[in-house]
Amino acid sequence: MLYENVSGTTYKQALFFFNSMSNLGKPWREKNKKCLIEKYELIKNIPPRFLGEIDVKDFYSEIEYEF
C-alpha cells in the first residue's frame, strides 16, 4: 500500500525508538560514527508527549523534528 495513515507511522517510529534504546539497537545510535537514526531522521514524526514522559529530543537532538 502506497499510503499509510500518520498514526500507524508514528507507532512504528515509536517502536523503532524503543528498539534503538536496547542493546540490539546500539549500532543505530553509536556516536563514534554518524548516528544512523539522526543521519536519516528515522523518527522525525514522533510528536511531543506521544511517549508520555519520554522526550525523544533528549536522546536524538540532531534530528529536525516535524512537530
N, C-alpha and C. Protein backbone atom coordinates (compact mmCIF):
# COMPACT_ATOMS: atom_id res chain seq x y z
N MET A 1 0.86 -1.17 0.00
CA MET A 1 0.00 0.00 0.00
C MET A 1 0.90 1.23 0.00
N LEU A 2 0.62 2.16 -0.87
CA LEU A 2 1.45 3.35 -1.01
C LEU A 2 1.19 4.35 0.11
N TYR A 3 -0.04 4.48 0.54
CA TYR A 3 -0.41 5.44 1.58
C TYR A 3 -0.57 4.72 2.92
N GLU A 4 -0.05 5.32 3.95
CA GLU A 4 -0.21 4.77 5.30
C GLU A 4 -0.60 5.92 6.21
N ASN A 5 -1.55 5.68 7.11
CA ASN A 5 -2.00 6.79 7.95
C ASN A 5 -0.91 7.22 8.92
N VAL A 6 -1.02 8.46 9.36
CA VAL A 6 0.02 9.06 10.19
C VAL A 6 0.17 8.33 11.51
N SER A 7 -0.92 7.96 12.15
CA SER A 7 -0.80 7.30 13.46
C SER A 7 -0.09 5.97 13.35
N GLY A 8 -0.32 5.23 12.28
CA GLY A 8 0.38 3.96 12.09
C GLY A 8 1.87 4.18 11.94
N THR A 9 2.25 5.20 11.19
CA THR A 9 3.66 5.54 11.02
C THR A 9 4.26 5.98 12.34
N THR A 10 3.52 6.76 13.11
CA THR A 10 4.02 7.24 14.40
C THR A 10 4.28 6.09 15.35
N TYR A 11 3.37 5.13 15.40
CA TYR A 11 3.57 3.97 16.28
C TYR A 11 4.79 3.15 15.85
N LYS A 12 4.99 3.01 14.56
CA LYS A 12 6.16 2.28 14.07
C LYS A 12 7.45 3.01 14.42
N GLN A 13 7.45 4.32 14.30
CA GLN A 13 8.63 5.09 14.67
C GLN A 13 8.88 5.03 16.17
N ALA A 14 7.83 5.04 16.96
CA ALA A 14 7.99 4.91 18.41
C ALA A 14 8.58 3.54 18.77
N LEU A 15 8.12 2.51 18.12
CA LEU A 15 8.68 1.17 18.35
C LEU A 15 10.15 1.14 17.94
N PHE A 16 10.47 1.77 16.83
CA PHE A 16 11.86 1.84 16.38
C PHE A 16 12.71 2.61 17.40
N PHE A 17 12.17 3.69 17.97
CA PHE A 17 12.88 4.44 19.00
C PHE A 17 13.19 3.56 20.20
N PHE A 18 12.19 2.85 20.71
CA PHE A 18 12.42 1.97 21.87
C PHE A 18 13.42 0.86 21.54
N ASN A 19 13.34 0.33 20.34
CA ASN A 19 14.30 -0.68 19.92
C ASN A 19 15.72 -0.11 19.92
N SER A 20 15.87 1.14 19.49
CA SER A 20 17.20 1.75 19.45
C SER A 20 17.79 1.94 20.85
N MET A 21 16.94 1.99 21.85
CA MET A 21 17.42 2.15 23.22
C MET A 21 17.91 0.83 23.83
N SER A 22 17.59 -0.28 23.19
CA SER A 22 18.02 -1.59 23.71
C SER A 22 19.44 -1.90 23.25
N ASN A 23 19.99 -2.98 23.76
CA ASN A 23 21.33 -3.42 23.34
C ASN A 23 21.36 -3.77 21.86
N LEU A 24 20.27 -4.31 21.34
CA LEU A 24 20.22 -4.65 19.93
C LEU A 24 20.25 -3.42 19.03
N GLY A 25 19.78 -2.30 19.53
CA GLY A 25 19.75 -1.07 18.75
C GLY A 25 20.99 -0.21 18.87
N LYS A 26 21.96 -0.66 19.65
CA LYS A 26 23.18 0.13 19.87
C LYS A 26 23.87 0.57 18.58
N PRO A 27 24.02 -0.30 17.57
CA PRO A 27 24.68 0.17 16.33
C PRO A 27 23.96 1.34 15.65
N TRP A 28 22.66 1.48 15.87
CA TRP A 28 21.90 2.57 15.25
C TRP A 28 22.14 3.91 15.94
N ARG A 29 22.57 3.87 17.20
CA ARG A 29 22.71 5.13 17.94
C ARG A 29 24.14 5.48 18.29
N GLU A 30 25.12 4.70 17.83
CA GLU A 30 26.52 4.98 18.17
C GLU A 30 26.95 6.34 17.66
N LYS A 31 27.64 7.06 18.50
CA LYS A 31 28.06 8.42 18.16
C LYS A 31 29.46 8.46 17.55
N ASN A 32 30.26 7.38 17.68
CA ASN A 32 31.61 7.40 17.11
C ASN A 32 31.56 7.45 15.59
N LYS A 33 30.54 6.87 15.00
CA LYS A 33 30.23 7.07 13.58
C LYS A 33 29.10 8.09 13.57
N LYS A 34 28.56 8.37 12.45
CA LYS A 34 27.36 9.22 12.43
C LYS A 34 26.19 8.36 12.89
N CYS A 35 25.48 8.83 13.87
CA CYS A 35 24.31 8.11 14.37
C CYS A 35 23.31 7.94 13.22
N LEU A 36 23.01 6.71 12.86
CA LEU A 36 22.15 6.44 11.71
C LEU A 36 20.73 6.97 11.88
N ILE A 37 20.24 6.93 13.11
CA ILE A 37 18.89 7.45 13.35
C ILE A 37 18.84 8.95 13.09
N GLU A 38 19.89 9.66 13.52
CA GLU A 38 19.94 11.09 13.27
C GLU A 38 20.29 11.40 11.82
N LYS A 39 21.18 10.64 11.24
CA LYS A 39 21.60 10.88 9.86
C LYS A 39 20.42 10.80 8.89
N TYR A 40 19.59 9.77 9.06
CA TYR A 40 18.45 9.56 8.16
C TYR A 40 17.12 10.05 8.74
N GLU A 41 17.16 10.65 9.92
CA GLU A 41 15.98 11.20 10.59
C GLU A 41 14.83 10.18 10.62
N LEU A 42 15.13 9.03 11.15
CA LEU A 42 14.18 7.92 11.11
C LEU A 42 13.00 8.06 12.05
N ILE A 43 13.09 8.97 13.01
CA ILE A 43 11.99 9.12 13.98
C ILE A 43 11.50 10.56 14.06
N LYS A 44 11.57 11.29 12.97
CA LYS A 44 11.25 12.72 12.99
C LYS A 44 9.77 13.03 13.11
N ASN A 45 8.91 12.04 13.00
CA ASN A 45 7.46 12.28 13.06
C ASN A 45 6.83 11.94 14.40
N ILE A 46 7.64 11.67 15.42
CA ILE A 46 7.08 11.38 16.75
C ILE A 46 6.74 12.71 17.42
N PRO A 47 5.45 12.98 17.66
CA PRO A 47 5.07 14.26 18.27
C PRO A 47 5.45 14.33 19.75
N PRO A 48 5.54 15.55 20.28
CA PRO A 48 5.83 15.71 21.71
C PRO A 48 4.78 14.99 22.57
N ARG A 49 5.22 14.42 23.64
CA ARG A 49 4.39 13.73 24.64
C ARG A 49 3.68 12.49 24.07
N PHE A 50 4.03 12.06 22.88
CA PHE A 50 3.45 10.83 22.34
C PHE A 50 3.88 9.62 23.16
N LEU A 51 5.09 9.69 23.72
CA LEU A 51 5.62 8.59 24.53
C LEU A 51 5.51 8.88 26.02
N GLY A 52 4.57 9.71 26.39
CA GLY A 52 4.38 10.05 27.81
C GLY A 52 5.49 10.97 28.29
N GLU A 53 6.20 10.55 29.32
CA GLU A 53 7.25 11.36 29.93
C GLU A 53 8.54 11.37 29.11
N ILE A 54 8.68 10.50 28.17
CA ILE A 54 9.91 10.37 27.39
C ILE A 54 9.88 11.37 26.23
N ASP A 55 10.91 12.19 26.17
CA ASP A 55 11.05 13.15 25.07
C ASP A 55 12.18 12.66 24.16
N VAL A 56 11.84 12.28 22.94
CA VAL A 56 12.84 11.74 22.03
C VAL A 56 13.94 12.75 21.71
N LYS A 57 13.65 14.04 21.84
CA LYS A 57 14.66 15.08 21.59
C LYS A 57 15.80 15.02 22.60
N ASP A 58 15.54 14.46 23.77
CA ASP A 58 16.60 14.30 24.77
C ASP A 58 17.62 13.25 24.33
N PHE A 59 17.21 12.33 23.50
CA PHE A 59 18.09 11.24 23.06
C PHE A 59 18.69 11.52 21.68
N TYR A 60 17.91 12.15 20.82
CA TYR A 60 18.35 12.42 19.45
C TYR A 60 18.11 13.89 19.12
N SER A 61 19.04 14.73 19.52
CA SER A 61 18.86 16.18 19.40
C SER A 61 19.19 16.72 18.01
N GLU A 62 19.87 15.95 17.18
CA GLU A 62 20.29 16.43 15.86
C GLU A 62 19.20 16.31 14.79
N ILE A 63 18.10 15.67 15.12
CA ILE A 63 17.01 15.48 14.16
C ILE A 63 16.17 16.76 14.07
N GLU A 64 15.78 17.11 12.87
CA GLU A 64 14.87 18.24 12.68
C GLU A 64 13.44 17.67 12.69
N TYR A 65 12.83 17.68 13.87
CA TYR A 65 11.50 17.09 14.05
C TYR A 65 10.43 17.90 13.36
N GLU A 66 9.38 17.24 12.92
CA GLU A 66 8.30 17.92 12.22
C GLU A 66 7.27 18.52 13.18
N PHE A 67 7.39 18.23 14.47
CA PHE A 67 6.44 18.79 15.45
C PHE A 67 7.16 19.72 16.37
